[in-house]
């Protein structure tokens, strides 16, 4: 377990999470608001986990984490950190299945990651990127205290770039 909130647990991904990854990464809102990762099978999901979150745990000591409900251990999404080669700072990322939208889970998980960055990892700055049309994510970042920096080109499209100073 990486961190726990009153309603959520954030933990490292395992290969057993492959079916959930297939579901999450093929959700319409994930593809529209993040990117199509072309993960269609459990084997694709295991490769995604090996090359993404699990490789990041080994290389950086952090990554994207499974988000589950405390009361029933139901997986609802992912939240955590990505270290992109073209950014100086780790980038917070999050995605939930649509049936869990509007219940405060995304901000609860993201706040836990911000606290983890500040108190455990000792980060002084955290980045975030979103598509300009992703109003839910842009609003969440505002609520967390991220400050909009500029629109950049990322994945050949305009992308909002935010920073959060951690004190």
C-alpha atoms as a PDB file:
ATOM      1  CA  UNK A   1       0.000   0.000   0.000  1.00  0.00           C
ATOM      2  CA  UNK A   2       1.310   3.441  -0.957  1.00  0.00           C
ATOM      3  CA  UNK A   3      -1.297   5.486   0.862  1.00  0.00           C
ATOM      4  CA  UNK A   4      -4.776   5.260   2.267  1.00  0.00           C
ATOM      5  CA  UNK A   5      -7.545   7.826   2.648  1.00  0.00           C
ATOM      6  CA  UNK A   6     -10.813   7.437   4.543  1.00  0.00           C
ATOM      7  CA  UNK A   7     -12.405   5.807   1.469  1.00  0.00           C
ATOM      8  CA  UNK A   8      -9.554   4.726  -0.811  1.00  0.00           C
ATOM      9  CA  UNK A   9      -6.387   2.654  -0.933  1.00  0.00           C
ATOM     10  CA  UNK A  10      -3.641   3.352  -3.474  1.00  0.00           C
ATOM     11  CA  UNK A  11      -1.307   0.438  -4.114  1.00  0.00           C
ATOM     12  CA  UNK A  12       1.184  -0.734  -6.713  1.00  0.00           C
ATOM     13  CA  UNK A  13      -0.197  -2.573  -9.722  1.00  0.00           C
ATOM     14  CA  UNK A  14       0.289  -6.341 -10.137  1.00  0.00           C
ATOM     15  CA  UNK A  15      -0.142  -8.602 -13.148  1.00  0.00           C
ATOM     16  CA  UNK A  16      -3.443  -9.797 -11.650  1.00  0.00           C
ATOM     17  CA  UNK A  17      -4.769  -6.280 -12.368  1.00  0.00           C
ATOM     18  CA  UNK A  18      -4.544  -6.829 -16.144  1.00  0.00           C
ATOM     19  CA  UNK A  19      -8.318  -7.315 -16.688  1.00  0.00           C
ATOM     20  CA  UNK A  20      -9.035  -4.051 -14.868  1.00  0.00           C
ATOM     21  CA  UNK A  21      -6.389  -2.243 -16.943  1.00  0.00           C
ATOM     22  CA  UNK A  22      -8.053  -3.478 -20.149  1.00  0.00           C
ATOM     23  CA  UNK A  23     -11.377  -2.069 -18.933  1.00  0.00           C
ATOM     24  CA  UNK A  24      -9.989   1.280 -17.741  1.00  0.00           C
ATOM     25  CA  UNK A  25      -7.749   1.979 -20.740  1.00  0.00           C
ATOM     26  CA  UNK A  26     -10.532   1.156 -23.194  1.00  0.00           C
ATOM     27  CA  UNK A  27     -13.098   3.373 -21.526  1.00  0.00           C
ATOM     28  CA  UNK A  28     -14.309   6.054 -23.932  1.00  0.00           C
ATOM     29  CA  UNK A  29     -13.409   8.901 -21.569  1.00  0.00           C
ATOM     30  CA  UNK A  30      -9.861   7.550 -21.063  1.00  0.00           C
ATOM     31  CA  UNK A  31      -9.276   7.412 -24.802  1.00  0.00           C
ATOM     32  CA  UNK A  32     -10.825  10.859 -25.392  1.00  0.00           C
ATOM     33  CA  UNK A  33      -9.201  12.667 -22.454  1.00  0.00           C
ATOM     34  CA  UNK A  34      -5.841  10.916 -22.216  1.00  0.00           C
ATOM     35  CA  UNK A  35      -4.837   8.743 -25.185  1.00  0.00           C
ATOM     36  CA  UNK A  36      -5.573   5.380 -26.754  1.00  0.00           C
ATOM     37  CA  UNK A  37      -2.869   3.102 -25.341  1.00  0.00           C
ATOM     38  CA  UNK A  38      -3.910   0.257 -27.685  1.00  0.00           C
ATOM     39  CA  UNK A  39      -4.311  -2.131 -24.763  1.00  0.00           C
ATOM     40  CA  UNK A  40      -6.976  -4.612 -25.866  1.00  0.00           C
ATOM     41  CA  UNK A  41      -6.060  -7.922 -24.213  1.00  0.00           C
ATOM     42  CA  UNK A  42      -4.743  -9.133 -20.873  1.00  0.00           C
ATOM     43  CA  UNK A  43      -1.369  -9.740 -22.545  1.00  0.00           C
ATOM     44  CA  UNK A  44      -1.367  -6.123 -23.777  1.00  0.00           C
ATOM     45  CA  UNK A  45      -2.223  -4.994 -20.246  1.00  0.00           C
ATOM     46  CA  UNK A  46       0.618  -7.005 -18.712  1.00  0.00           C
ATOM     47  CA  UNK A  47       3.030  -5.433 -21.217  1.00  0.00           C
ATOM     48  CA  UNK A  48       1.611  -1.977 -20.357  1.00  0.00           C
ATOM     49  CA  UNK A  49       2.069  -2.673 -16.626  1.00  0.00           C
ATOM     50  CA  UNK A  50       5.607  -4.038 -17.123  1.00  0.00           C
ATOM     51  CA  UNK A  51       6.733  -1.177 -19.369  1.00  0.00           C
ATOM     52  CA  UNK A  52       4.827   1.580 -17.551  1.00  0.00           C
ATOM     53  CA  UNK A  53       3.936   1.526 -13.856  1.00  0.00           C
ATOM     54  CA  UNK A  54       6.132  -1.400 -12.805  1.00  0.00           C
ATOM     55  CA  UNK A  55       9.176  -0.120 -14.708  1.00  0.00           C
ATOM     56  CA  UNK A  56       8.625   3.286 -13.101  1.00  0.00           C
ATOM     57  CA  UNK A  57       8.519   1.761  -9.596  1.00  0.00           C
ATOM     58  CA  UNK A  58      11.929   0.216 -10.286  1.00  0.00           C
ATOM     59  CA  UNK A  59      13.502   3.220 -12.013  1.00  0.00           C
ATOM     60  CA  UNK A  60      12.014   6.147 -10.071  1.00  0.00           C
ATOM     61  CA  UNK A  61      10.553   4.666  -6.882  1.00  0.00           C
ATOM     62  CA  UNK A  62       7.032   5.776  -7.850  1.00  0.00           C
ATOM     63  CA  UNK A  63       4.506   5.369 -10.647  1.00  0.00           C
ATOM     64  CA  UNK A  64       0.820   5.021 -11.336  1.00  0.00           C
ATOM     65  CA  UNK A  65      -1.120   3.169  -8.644  1.00  0.00           C
ATOM     66  CA  UNK A  66      -4.325   1.160  -8.479  1.00  0.00           C
ATOM     67  CA  UNK A  67      -7.119   2.981  -6.636  1.00  0.00           C
ATOM     68  CA  UNK A  68      -9.540   0.730  -4.747  1.00  0.00           C
ATOM     69  CA  UNK A  69     -12.462   1.327  -2.418  1.00  0.00           C
ATOM     70  CA  UNK A  70     -11.555   0.506   1.181  1.00  0.00           C
ATOM     71  CA  UNK A  71     -14.820  -1.148   2.145  1.00  0.00           C
ATOM     72  CA  UNK A  72     -14.876  -3.755  -0.647  1.00  0.00           C
ATOM     73  CA  UNK A  73     -11.446  -3.593  -2.369  1.00  0.00           C
ATOM     74  CA  UNK A  74     -13.193  -2.770  -5.663  1.00  0.00           C
ATOM     75  CA  UNK A  75     -10.827  -1.238  -8.219  1.00  0.00           C
ATOM     76  CA  UNK A  76     -12.141   2.115  -9.459  1.00  0.00           C
ATOM     77  CA  UNK A  77      -9.192   3.695 -11.279  1.00  0.00           C
ATOM     78  CA  UNK A  78      -5.584   4.710 -11.122  1.00  0.00           C
ATOM     79  CA  UNK A  79      -3.727   7.700  -9.761  1.00  0.00           C
ATOM     80  CA  UNK A  80      -0.071   8.416  -9.337  1.00  0.00           C
ATOM     81  CA  UNK A  81       3.006   9.790 -11.002  1.00  0.00           C
ATOM     82  CA  UNK A  82       4.634   9.597 -14.403  1.00  0.00           C
ATOM     83  CA  UNK A  83       8.189  10.778 -15.048  1.00  0.00           C
ATOM     84  CA  UNK A  84       8.355  11.987 -18.623  1.00  0.00           C
ATOM     85  CA  UNK A  85      11.764  12.524 -20.216  1.00  0.00           C
ATOM     86  CA  UNK A  86      10.760  15.940 -21.533  1.00  0.00           C
ATOM     87  CA  UNK A  87       9.598  17.387 -18.155  1.00  0.00           C
ATOM     88  CA  UNK A  88      11.797  18.357 -15.234  1.00  0.00           C
ATOM     89  CA  UNK A  89       9.172  17.256 -12.708  1.00  0.00           C
ATOM     90  CA  UNK A  90       7.043  14.189 -12.127  1.00  0.00           C
ATOM     91  CA  UNK A  91       3.559  14.522 -13.614  1.00  0.00           C
ATOM     92  CA  UNK A  92       0.437  13.591 -11.648  1.00  0.00           C
ATOM     93  CA  UNK A  93      -1.979  11.373 -13.534  1.00  0.00           C
ATOM     94  CA  UNK A  94      -5.385   9.959 -12.697  1.00  0.00           C
ATOM     95  CA  UNK A  95      -8.328   8.216 -14.289  1.00  0.00           C
ATOM     96  CA  UNK A  96     -11.440   6.628 -12.858  1.00  0.00           C
ATOM     97  CA  UNK A  97     -14.127   4.473 -14.373  1.00  0.00           C
ATOM     98  CA  UNK A  98     -17.137   6.692 -15.216  1.00  0.00           C
ATOM     99  CA  UNK A  99     -19.443   5.106 -12.638  1.00  0.00           C
ATOM    100  CA  UNK A 100     -17.200   6.611  -9.948  1.00  0.00           C
ATOM    101  CA  UNK A 101     -17.249  10.195 -11.284  1.00  0.00           C
ATOM    102  CA  UNK A 102     -18.799  12.954  -9.214  1.00  0.00           C
ATOM    103  CA  UNK A 103     -18.250  11.294  -5.840  1.00  0.00           C
ATOM    104  CA  UNK A 104     -15.029  13.060  -4.850  1.00  0.00           C
ATOM    105  CA  UNK A 105     -12.817  10.009  -5.403  1.00  0.00           C
ATOM    106  CA  UNK A 106     -10.533  11.644  -7.976  1.00  0.00           C
ATOM    107  CA  UNK A 107      -9.663  14.618  -5.788  1.00  0.00           C
ATOM    108  CA  UNK A 108      -9.303  12.368  -2.726  1.00  0.00           C
ATOM    109  CA  UNK A 109      -6.821  10.128  -4.572  1.00  0.00           C
ATOM    110  CA  UNK A 110      -4.979  13.096  -6.117  1.00  0.00           C
ATOM    111  CA  UNK A 111      -4.640  14.830  -2.729  1.00  0.00           C
ATOM    112  CA  UNK A 112      -3.176  11.615  -1.329  1.00  0.00           C
ATOM    113  CA  UNK A 113      -0.609  11.567  -4.144  1.00  0.00           C
ATOM    114  CA  UNK A 114       0.274  15.235  -3.582  1.00  0.00           C
ATOM    115  CA  UNK A 115       0.807  14.477   0.139  1.00  0.00           C
ATOM    116  CA  UNK A 116       2.870  11.390  -0.787  1.00  0.00           C
ATOM    117  CA  UNK A 117       5.040  13.541  -3.098  1.00  0.00           C
ATOM    118  CA  UNK A 118       5.606  16.151  -0.432  1.00  0.00           C
ATOM    119  CA  UNK A 119       5.925  14.051   2.705  1.00  0.00           C
ATOM    120  CA  UNK A 120       7.400  10.762   1.479  1.00  0.00           C
ATOM    121  CA  UNK A 121       9.231  11.555  -1.751  1.00  0.00           C
ATOM    122  CA  UNK A 122      10.329  15.056  -0.702  1.00  0.00           C
ATOM    123  CA  UNK A 123       9.369  16.705  -3.993  1.00  0.00           C
ATOM    124  CA  UNK A 124       9.262  20.492  -4.131  1.00  0.00           C
ATOM    125  CA  UNK A 125       7.335  20.749  -7.420  1.00  0.00           C
ATOM    126  CA  UNK A 126       4.815  18.609  -9.259  1.00  0.00           C
ATOM    127  CA  UNK A 127       3.634  18.946 -12.878  1.00  0.00           C
ATOM    128  CA  UNK A 128       0.355  18.096 -14.581  1.00  0.00           C
ATOM    129  CA  UNK A 129      -0.805  18.055 -18.175  1.00  0.00           C
ATOM    130  CA  UNK A 130      -4.358  17.912 -19.507  1.00  0.00           C
ATOM    131  CA  UNK A 131      -6.190  18.424 -22.727  1.00  0.00           C
ATOM    132  CA  UNK A 132      -7.698  21.924 -22.793  1.00  0.00           C
ATOM    133  CA  UNK A 133     -11.201  20.478 -23.329  1.00  0.00           C
ATOM    134  CA  UNK A 134     -10.919  18.184 -20.274  1.00  0.00           C
ATOM    135  CA  UNK A 135     -12.790  20.522 -17.945  1.00  0.00           C
ATOM    136  CA  UNK A 136     -13.101  17.927 -15.137  1.00  0.00           C
ATOM    137  CA  UNK A 137      -9.323  17.471 -14.896  1.00  0.00           C
ATOM    138  CA  UNK A 138      -8.564  21.165 -15.311  1.00  0.00           C
ATOM    139  CA  UNK A 139     -10.995  21.943 -12.474  1.00  0.00           C
ATOM    140  CA  UNK A 140      -9.513  19.230 -10.255  1.00  0.00           C
ATOM    141  CA  UNK A 141      -6.011  20.644 -10.764  1.00  0.00           C
ATOM    142  CA  UNK A 142      -7.263  24.136  -9.864  1.00  0.00           C
ATOM    143  CA  UNK A 143      -8.823  22.756  -6.653  1.00  0.00           C
ATOM    144  CA  UNK A 144      -5.513  21.090  -5.753  1.00  0.00           C
ATOM    145  CA  UNK A 145      -3.676  24.408  -6.133  1.00  0.00           C
ATOM    146  CA  UNK A 146      -1.905  23.728  -9.421  1.00  0.00           C
ATOM    147  CA  UNK A 147      -1.153  26.868 -11.401  1.00  0.00           C
ATOM    148  CA  UNK A 148      -1.664  26.954 -15.146  1.00  0.00           C
ATOM    149  CA  UNK A 149       1.645  27.746 -16.876  1.00  0.00           C
ATOM    150  CA  UNK A 150       1.027  27.616 -20.607  1.00  0.00           C
ATOM    151  CA  UNK A 151      -0.382  25.639 -23.495  1.00  0.00           C
ATOM    152  CA  UNK A 152       2.297  23.374 -24.947  1.00  0.00           C
ATOM    153  CA  UNK A 153       2.354  20.947 -27.850  1.00  0.00           C
ATOM    154  CA  UNK A 154       2.368  17.393 -26.528  1.00  0.00           C
ATOM    155  CA  UNK A 155       1.547  14.274 -28.537  1.00  0.00           C
ATOM    156  CA  UNK A 156       1.121  16.681 -31.479  1.00  0.00           C
ATOM    157  CA  UNK A 157      -1.789  18.495 -29.859  1.00  0.00           C
ATOM    158  CA  UNK A 158      -2.318  21.536 -27.618  1.00  0.00           C
ATOM    159  CA  UNK A 159      -1.985  20.569 -23.962  1.00  0.00           C
ATOM    160  CA  UNK A 160      -2.392  22.549 -20.738  1.00  0.00           C
ATOM    161  CA  UNK A 161       0.753  22.491 -18.587  1.00  0.00           C
ATOM    162  CA  UNK A 162       0.425  23.084 -14.824  1.00  0.00           C
ATOM    163  CA  UNK A 163       2.851  23.234 -11.891  1.00  0.00           C
ATOM    164  CA  UNK A 164       2.284  22.898  -8.153  1.00  0.00           C
ATOM    165  CA  UNK A 165       4.860  24.182  -5.661  1.00  0.00           C
ATOM    166  CA  UNK A 166       5.008  21.924  -2.617  1.00  0.00           C
ATOM    167  CA  UNK A 167       6.127  23.620   0.604  1.00  0.00           C
END
